[in-house]
Amino acid sequence: MKTRTIEELHDKDIGHRKMAKTVDYLVANGYEVTDIKEYNEQFKFKVNGHQFWYRKEWKSTAKEFAIYCINILKTEEEMIRLWSEK
C-alpha cells in the first residue's frame, strides 16, 4: 500500500491516468478528495470524508466513476435530510 497525492496520480511514471481524471472531475465539481491509498489492483480514497474504492480493472470511464461517487454522496445527503424531517 502506498499513499498517493493528487500530483502523484498525474505523474507519468508512478501515477494512474484514469484515477487522476476521476479525482480531477470530483475536485472540479467542488468535492474534496483525500487519503488516496494505492494497493496492487485498487485505490481507496475519501470524498468529503466518505470512503470509496476504485478497482483498476473496472471498465467505466473516469467521468462515469466520478458521477457514481457524486450520486452516492447526494443520495446519502438526501436520506439524511429526509430522516431529519421526521
Protein backbone atom coordinates (compact mmCIF):
# COMPACT_ATOMS: atom_id res chain seq x y z
CA MET A 1 0.00 0.00 0.00
CA LYS A 2 1.26 3.45 -0.93
CA THR A 3 -0.25 6.80 -0.02
CA ARG A 4 -0.59 8.99 -3.11
CA THR A 5 -1.11 12.69 -3.64
CA ILE A 6 -3.15 14.11 -6.49
CA GLU A 7 0.10 15.28 -8.07
CA GLU A 8 1.50 11.73 -7.94
CA LEU A 9 -1.59 10.41 -9.71
CA HIS A 10 -0.68 12.72 -12.61
CA ASP A 11 2.97 11.59 -12.68
CA LYS A 12 3.56 9.63 -15.89
CA ASP A 13 5.93 7.20 -14.15
CA ILE A 14 4.08 6.34 -10.93
CA GLY A 15 0.60 7.71 -11.49
CA HIS A 16 -2.64 6.30 -12.77
CA ARG A 17 -4.28 8.32 -15.56
CA LYS A 18 -7.88 7.20 -15.03
CA MET A 19 -7.76 7.73 -11.26
CA ALA A 20 -6.19 11.16 -11.82
CA LYS A 21 -9.04 12.11 -14.18
CA THR A 22 -11.60 10.84 -11.67
CA VAL A 23 -10.08 12.97 -8.90
CA ASP A 24 -9.86 15.99 -11.23
CA TYR A 25 -13.56 15.69 -12.09
CA LEU A 26 -14.55 15.43 -8.42
CA VAL A 27 -12.39 18.41 -7.42
CA ALA A 28 -13.70 20.48 -10.34
CA ASN A 29 -17.22 19.82 -9.05
CA GLY A 30 -16.40 21.08 -5.55
CA TYR A 31 -15.61 17.83 -3.76
CA GLU A 32 -12.60 17.25 -1.52
CA VAL A 33 -10.57 14.10 -2.27
CA THR A 34 -8.23 12.94 0.49
CA ASP A 35 -6.44 9.87 1.87
CA ILE A 36 -5.63 8.33 -1.50
CA LYS A 37 -4.09 4.92 -0.95
CA GLU A 38 -2.92 2.70 -3.80
CA TYR A 39 -2.93 -1.06 -3.48
CA ASN A 40 -1.91 -3.59 -6.13
CA GLU A 41 -5.17 -3.52 -8.08
CA GLN A 42 -7.21 -0.76 -6.46
CA PHE A 43 -7.35 2.64 -4.83
CA LYS A 44 -9.01 3.54 -1.54
CA PHE A 45 -9.82 7.23 -1.10
CA LYS A 46 -12.18 9.62 0.62
CA VAL A 47 -14.53 12.12 -0.99
CA ASN A 48 -15.79 14.71 1.50
CA GLY A 49 -14.90 12.24 4.26
CA HIS A 50 -16.74 9.24 2.75
CA GLN A 51 -14.64 6.27 1.75
CA PHE A 52 -14.71 4.81 -1.77
CA TRP A 53 -12.82 2.04 -3.54
CA TYR A 54 -11.77 2.09 -7.19
CA ARG A 55 -10.58 -1.10 -8.85
CA LYS A 56 -8.13 -0.59 -11.70
CA GLU A 57 -9.80 -3.30 -13.80
CA TRP A 58 -13.18 -1.53 -13.95
CA LYS A 59 -14.22 -0.61 -17.46
CA SER A 60 -16.15 2.58 -16.60
CA THR A 61 -14.68 5.89 -17.68
CA ALA A 62 -13.18 8.27 -15.14
CA LYS A 63 -16.15 10.62 -15.55
CA GLU A 64 -18.67 7.80 -15.10
CA PHE A 65 -16.99 6.69 -11.89
CA ALA A 66 -16.81 10.25 -10.56
CA ILE A 67 -20.52 10.73 -11.30
CA TYR A 68 -21.22 7.46 -9.48
CA CYS A 69 -19.39 8.80 -6.40
CA ILE A 70 -21.28 12.10 -6.61
CA ASN A 71 -24.62 10.28 -6.89
CA ILE A 72 -23.83 8.16 -3.82
CA LEU A 73 -22.98 11.29 -1.82
CA LYS A 74 -26.10 13.12 -2.98
CA THR A 75 -28.28 10.12 -2.15
CA GLU A 76 -26.83 9.93 1.34
CA GLU A 77 -27.37 13.67 1.86
CA GLU A 78 -30.99 13.33 0.72
CA MET A 79 -31.58 10.37 3.04
CA ILE A 80 -30.17 12.32 5.99
CA ARG A 81 -32.36 15.28 5.09
CA LEU A 82 -35.48 13.11 4.88
CA TRP A 83 -34.76 11.39 8.18
CA SER A 84 -34.14 14.69 9.93
CA GLU A 85 -37.58 15.94 8.83
CA LYS A 86 -39.37 13.09 10.64
